[in-house]
PDB file of N, CA and C in Angstrom:
ATOM      1  N   UNK A   1       0.695  -1.296  -0.019  1.00  0.00           N
ATOM      2  CA  UNK A   1       0.168   0.220   0.068  1.00  0.00           C
ATOM      3  C   UNK A   1       0.746   1.274   0.044  1.00  0.00           C
ATOM      4  N   UNK A   2       2.081   1.290   0.695  1.00  0.00           N
ATOM      5  CA  UNK A   2       3.002   2.451   1.047  1.00  0.00           C
ATOM      6  C   UNK A   2       3.454   2.662  -0.661  1.00  0.00           C
ATOM      7  N   UNK A   3       4.051   1.969  -1.134  1.00  0.00           N
ATOM      8  CA  UNK A   3       4.534   2.027  -2.575  1.00  0.00           C
ATOM      9  C   UNK A   3       3.607   2.498  -3.879  1.00  0.00           C
ATOM     10  N   UNK A   4       2.130   1.824  -3.569  1.00  0.00           N
ATOM     11  CA  UNK A   4       1.288   2.300  -4.375  1.00  0.00           C
ATOM     12  C   UNK A   4       1.028   3.671  -4.107  1.00  0.00           C
ATOM     13  N   UNK A   5       0.759   4.535  -2.899  1.00  0.00           N
ATOM     14  CA  UNK A   5       0.550   5.386  -2.549  1.00  0.00           C
ATOM     15  C   UNK A   5       1.817   6.382  -3.130  1.00  0.00           C
ATOM     16  N   UNK A   6       2.971   6.270  -2.991  1.00  0.00           N
ATOM     17  CA  UNK A   6       3.908   6.762  -3.470  1.00  0.00           C
ATOM     18  C   UNK A   6       4.043   6.839  -4.918  1.00  0.00           C
ATOM     19  N   UNK A   7       3.906   6.100  -5.745  1.00  0.00           N
ATOM     20  CA  UNK A   7       3.733   5.831  -7.142  1.00  0.00           C
ATOM     21  C   UNK A   7       2.429   6.301  -7.917  1.00  0.00           C
ATOM     22  N   UNK A   8       1.638   6.016  -7.356  1.00  0.00           N
ATOM     23  CA  UNK A   8       0.317   5.996  -8.017  1.00  0.00           C
ATOM     24  C   UNK A   8      -0.550   6.863  -7.208  1.00  0.00           C
ATOM     25  N   UNK A   9       0.019   8.010  -6.312  1.00  0.00           N
ATOM     26  CA  UNK A   9      -0.883   8.630  -5.478  1.00  0.00           C
ATOM     27  C   UNK A   9      -1.990   9.572  -5.999  1.00  0.00           C
ATOM     28  N   UNK A  10      -1.889   9.844  -7.214  1.00  0.00           N
ATOM     29  CA  UNK A  10      -3.124  10.555  -8.013  1.00  0.00           C
ATOM     30  C   UNK A  10      -4.062  10.086  -8.793  1.00  0.00           C
ATOM     31  N   UNK A  11      -3.975   8.576  -8.930  1.00  0.00           N
ATOM     32  CA  UNK A  11      -5.428   7.944  -9.235  1.00  0.00           C
ATOM     33  C   UNK A  11      -5.963   7.337  -7.965  1.00  0.00           C
ATOM     34  N   UNK A  12      -7.195   7.464  -8.183  1.00  0.00           N
ATOM     35  CA  UNK A  12      -8.209   6.934  -6.730  1.00  0.00           C
ATOM     36  C   UNK A  12      -8.109   5.867  -6.807  1.00  0.00           C
ATOM     37  N   UNK A  13      -8.424   5.184  -5.349  1.00  0.00           N
ATOM     38  CA  UNK A  13      -8.490   3.964  -5.249  1.00  0.00           C
ATOM     39  C   UNK A  13      -9.919   3.413  -5.085  1.00  0.00           C
ATOM     40  N   UNK A  14     -10.156   2.029  -5.666  1.00  0.00           N
ATOM     41  CA  UNK A  14     -11.603   1.767  -5.546  1.00  0.00           C
ATOM     42  C   UNK A  14     -11.891   1.194  -3.749  1.00  0.00           C
ATOM     43  N   UNK A  15     -12.977   1.412  -4.103  1.00  0.00           N
ATOM     44  CA  UNK A  15     -13.451   1.119  -2.373  1.00  0.00           C
ATOM     45  C   UNK A  15     -13.375  -0.288  -1.989  1.00  0.00           C
ATOM     46  N   UNK A  16     -13.355  -1.212  -3.110  1.00  0.00           N
ATOM     47  CA  UNK A  16     -12.936  -2.649  -2.563  1.00  0.00           C
ATOM     48  C   UNK A  16     -11.270  -2.491  -2.347  1.00  0.00           C
ATOM     49  N   UNK A  17     -10.504  -1.885  -2.903  1.00  0.00           N
ATOM     50  CA  UNK A  17      -9.299  -1.593  -2.716  1.00  0.00           C
ATOM     51  C   UNK A  17      -8.916  -1.180  -1.236  1.00  0.00           C
ATOM     52  N   UNK A  18      -9.545  -0.075  -1.006  1.00  0.00           N
ATOM     53  CA  UNK A  18      -9.661   0.456   0.556  1.00  0.00           C
ATOM     54  C   UNK A  18     -10.084  -0.436   1.547  1.00  0.00           C
ATOM     55  N   UNK A  19     -11.220  -1.200   1.158  1.00  0.00           N
ATOM     56  CA  UNK A  19     -11.758  -2.201   2.133  1.00  0.00           C
ATOM     57  C   UNK A  19     -10.657  -3.239   2.554  1.00  0.00           C
ATOM     58  N   UNK A  20     -10.004  -3.873   1.395  1.00  0.00           N
ATOM     59  CA  UNK A  20      -9.097  -4.713   1.627  1.00  0.00           C
ATOM     60  C   UNK A  20      -7.644  -4.284   2.335  1.00  0.00           C
ATOM     61  N   UNK A  21      -7.210  -3.253   2.209  1.00  0.00           N
ATOM     62  CA  UNK A  21      -6.093  -2.679   2.924  1.00  0.00           C
ATOM     63  C   UNK A  21      -6.363  -2.539   4.443  1.00  0.00           C
ATOM     64  N   UNK A  22      -7.673  -2.303   4.217  1.00  0.00           N
ATOM     65  CA  UNK A  22      -8.038  -1.826   5.708  1.00  0.00           C
ATOM     66  C   UNK A  22      -8.264  -3.122   6.650  1.00  0.00           C
ATOM     67  N   UNK A  23      -9.091  -4.344   6.104  1.00  0.00           N
ATOM     68  CA  UNK A  23      -8.979  -5.623   6.584  1.00  0.00           C
ATOM     69  C   UNK A  23      -7.707  -5.854   6.764  1.00  0.00           C
ATOM     70  N   UNK A  24      -6.672  -5.997   5.930  1.00  0.00           N
ATOM     71  CA  UNK A  24      -5.276  -6.545   6.136  1.00  0.00           C
ATOM     72  C   UNK A  24      -4.519  -6.019   7.120  1.00  0.00           C
ATOM     73  N   UNK A  25      -4.773  -4.263   7.352  1.00  0.00           N
ATOM     74  CA  UNK A  25      -4.144  -3.479   8.402  1.00  0.00           C
ATOM     75  C   UNK A  25      -4.573  -4.080   9.692  1.00  0.00           C
ATOM     76  N   UNK A  26      -6.149  -4.340   9.960  1.00  0.00           N
ATOM     77  CA  UNK A  26      -6.435  -4.740  11.215  1.00  0.00           C
ATOM     78  C   UNK A  26      -6.089  -6.469  11.594  1.00  0.00           C
ATOM     79  N   UNK A  27      -5.914  -6.907  10.506  1.00  0.00           N
ATOM     80  CA  UNK A  27      -5.583  -8.248  10.812  1.00  0.00           C
ATOM     81  C   UNK A  27      -3.970  -8.297  11.315  1.00  0.00           C
ATOM     82  N   UNK A  28      -3.346  -7.469  10.818  1.00  0.00           N
ATOM     83  CA  UNK A  28      -1.663  -7.438  10.987  1.00  0.00           C
ATOM     84  C   UNK A  28      -1.656  -6.841  12.607  1.00  0.00           C
ATOM     85  N   UNK A  29      -2.677  -5.716  12.815  1.00  0.00           N
ATOM     86  CA  UNK A  29      -2.602  -5.166  14.388  1.00  0.00           C
ATOM     87  C   UNK A  29      -3.085  -6.216  15.292  1.00  0.00           C
ATOM     88  N   UNK A  30      -4.104  -6.701  15.018  1.00  0.00           N
ATOM     89  CA  UNK A  30      -4.554  -8.032  15.828  1.00  0.00           C
ATOM     90  C   UNK A  30      -3.559  -9.108  16.176  1.00  0.00           C
ATOM     91  N   UNK A  31      -2.780  -9.347  15.058  1.00  0.00           N
ATOM     92  CA  UNK A  31      -1.944 -10.423  15.244  1.00  0.00           C
ATOM     93  C   UNK A  31      -0.703 -10.065  16.286  1.00  0.00           C
ATOM     94  N   UNK A  32      -0.347  -8.848  16.197  1.00  0.00           N
ATOM     95  CA  UNK A  32       1.006  -8.129  16.980  1.00  0.00           C
ATOM     96  C   UNK A  32      -0.003  -8.138  18.254  1.00  0.00           C
ATOM     97  N   UNK A  33      -0.920  -7.231  18.496  1.00  0.00           N
ATOM     98  CA  UNK A  33      -1.372  -6.664  19.881  1.00  0.00           C
ATOM     99  C   UNK A  33      -2.585  -7.557  20.303  1.00  0.00           C
ATOM    100  N   UNK A  34      -3.179  -8.378  19.554  1.00  0.00           N
ATOM    101  CA  UNK A  34      -4.590  -8.803  19.988  1.00  0.00           C
ATOM    102  C   UNK A  34      -4.569  -9.373  21.361  1.00  0.00           C
ATOM    103  N   UNK A  35      -5.559  -9.456  22.334  1.00  0.00           N
ATOM    104  CA  UNK A  35      -5.642 -10.395  23.228  1.00  0.00           C
ATOM    105  C   UNK A  35      -5.125 -11.667  22.988  1.00  0.00           C
ATOM    106  N   UNK A  36      -4.197 -12.222  24.146  1.00  0.00           N
ATOM    107  CA  UNK A  36      -3.803 -13.431  24.065  1.00  0.00           C
ATOM    108  C   UNK A  36      -4.781 -14.482  25.041  1.00  0.00           C
ATOM    109  N   UNK A  37      -5.050 -15.528  24.850  1.00  0.00           N
ATOM    110  CA  UNK A  37      -6.025 -16.490  25.349  1.00  0.00           C
ATOM    111  C   UNK A  37      -5.147 -16.972  26.767  1.00  0.00           C
ATOM    112  N   UNK A  38      -5.729 -16.797  27.728  1.00  0.00           N
ATOM    113  CA  UNK A  38      -4.982 -17.278  29.227  1.00  0.00           C
ATOM    114  C   UNK A  38      -4.925 -18.648  29.392  1.00  0.00           C
TER     115      UNK A  38
END
């Protein structure tokens, strides 16, 4: 996503692309910082 923004920042992203990136970001965050089972 960062490379796409740097090199194609002037072209708008589709709603599907934005949702895909948001979902992947949440998954990565939860994998790193999510609650651990006790």
